[in-house]
Amino acid sequence: MTDPAPVSIVVGTQSVLITGVAAGPNTPEDNAQTVSFTVSLFSDPTAHVITDLSIDSGTNTISYTPTNVGQAVITVESNDGQFPNSTTT
């Protein structure tokens, strides 16, 4: 993943592009598979640090809106239909 610009709560929605992800282990059958993504947010639910967390598996883009000062962890899981899946935090 490429790092976004430093998070600022005054800029609105921010996006992060996911790169370097492909179905594995690089056989013709695997290369034909689609990789989908899911995202999860871990933070103090009362802090409301991030809202509107979403991912577009078609463009491999995570979008979110910073809304408050604090810490949050976004976990991304890629799934190519085989075990194991890859998780990045």
Protein backbone atom coordinates (compact mmCIF):
# COMPACT_ATOMS: atom_id res chain seq x y z
CA MET A 1 0.00 0.00 0.00
CA THR A 2 1.11 3.52 -0.63
CA ASP A 3 1.00 5.83 2.34
CA PRO A 4 -1.49 8.67 2.18
CA ALA A 5 -0.61 12.23 3.04
CA PRO A 6 -0.56 12.94 6.77
CA VAL A 7 -4.09 12.72 8.11
CA SER A 8 -5.81 16.03 8.61
CA ILE A 9 -9.34 16.33 9.89
CA VAL A 10 -9.99 19.38 7.74
CA VAL A 11 -9.38 17.91 4.28
CA GLY A 12 -12.36 15.58 4.00
CA THR A 13 -12.24 12.11 2.47
CA GLN A 14 -8.79 10.58 1.99
CA SER A 15 -7.83 7.58 -0.14
CA VAL A 16 -5.08 4.95 -0.13
CA LEU A 17 -4.26 2.84 -3.18
CA ILE A 18 -3.43 -0.84 -2.57
CA THR A 19 -0.69 -2.12 -4.88
CA GLY A 20 1.34 -5.31 -5.28
CA VAL A 21 -1.49 -7.77 -4.55
CA ALA A 22 -2.18 -10.73 -6.85
CA ALA A 23 -3.64 -14.20 -6.57
CA GLY A 24 -0.92 -16.68 -5.72
CA PRO A 25 1.27 -18.63 -6.23
CA ASN A 26 1.44 -17.25 -9.78
CA THR A 27 0.14 -20.17 -11.84
CA PRO A 28 -2.17 -19.69 -14.87
CA GLU A 29 -5.14 -20.85 -12.78
CA ASP A 30 -4.28 -18.45 -9.95
CA ASN A 31 -3.70 -15.52 -12.29
CA ALA A 32 -7.28 -15.89 -13.55
CA GLN A 33 -8.70 -15.50 -10.02
CA THR A 34 -10.18 -12.29 -8.71
CA VAL A 35 -8.78 -10.83 -5.50
CA SER A 36 -11.33 -9.11 -3.29
CA PHE A 37 -10.67 -6.94 -0.25
CA THR A 38 -12.35 -6.26 3.07
CA VAL A 39 -11.45 -3.56 5.58
CA SER A 40 -11.98 -3.33 9.31
CA LEU A 41 -11.57 -0.38 11.64
CA PHE A 42 -10.31 -0.71 15.19
CA SER A 43 -10.52 2.36 17.41
CA ASP A 44 -12.24 3.67 20.50
CA PRO A 45 -15.86 3.76 19.31
CA THR A 46 -16.55 6.89 21.35
CA ALA A 47 -13.66 8.78 19.71
CA HIS A 48 -15.15 8.80 16.17
CA VAL A 49 -11.64 9.12 14.68
CA ILE A 50 -12.62 7.80 11.23
CA THR A 51 -15.98 7.57 9.49
CA ASP A 52 -17.10 6.36 6.07
CA LEU A 53 -14.46 3.60 5.81
CA SER A 54 -14.89 1.70 2.56
CA ILE A 55 -12.94 -0.17 -0.08
CA ASP A 56 -13.45 -0.43 -3.81
CA SER A 57 -12.11 -3.84 -4.89
CA GLY A 58 -12.36 -2.76 -8.53
CA THR A 59 -9.84 0.04 -8.09
CA ASN A 60 -8.09 -1.34 -4.95
CA THR A 61 -8.72 1.94 -3.15
CA ILE A 62 -9.49 2.44 0.54
CA SER A 63 -11.41 5.61 1.38
CA TYR A 64 -12.11 7.13 4.78
CA THR A 65 -12.95 10.43 6.40
CA PRO A 66 -10.90 11.56 9.41
CA THR A 67 -13.29 13.26 11.81
CA ASN A 68 -11.45 13.63 15.09
CA VAL A 69 -7.99 13.56 16.63
CA GLY A 70 -6.93 10.14 17.91
CA GLN A 71 -5.64 6.75 16.83
CA ALA A 72 -7.29 4.17 14.63
CA VAL A 73 -6.06 0.96 13.00
CA ILE A 74 -7.34 -0.08 9.58
CA THR A 75 -6.88 -3.76 8.72
CA VAL A 76 -7.08 -4.91 5.09
CA GLU A 77 -7.65 -8.53 4.09
CA SER A 78 -7.17 -9.78 0.54
CA ASN A 79 -9.01 -12.92 -0.55
CA ASP A 80 -8.31 -14.88 -3.73
CA GLY A 81 -10.61 -17.73 -2.75
CA GLN A 82 -7.82 -19.88 -1.34
CA PHE A 83 -6.39 -20.36 2.13
CA PRO A 84 -4.60 -18.50 3.64
CA ASN A 85 -5.70 -14.92 3.03
CA SER A 86 -3.34 -12.02 3.49
CA THR A 87 -4.00 -9.48 6.24
CA THR A 88 -2.21 -6.14 6.51
CA THR A 89 -2.60 -3.66 9.33
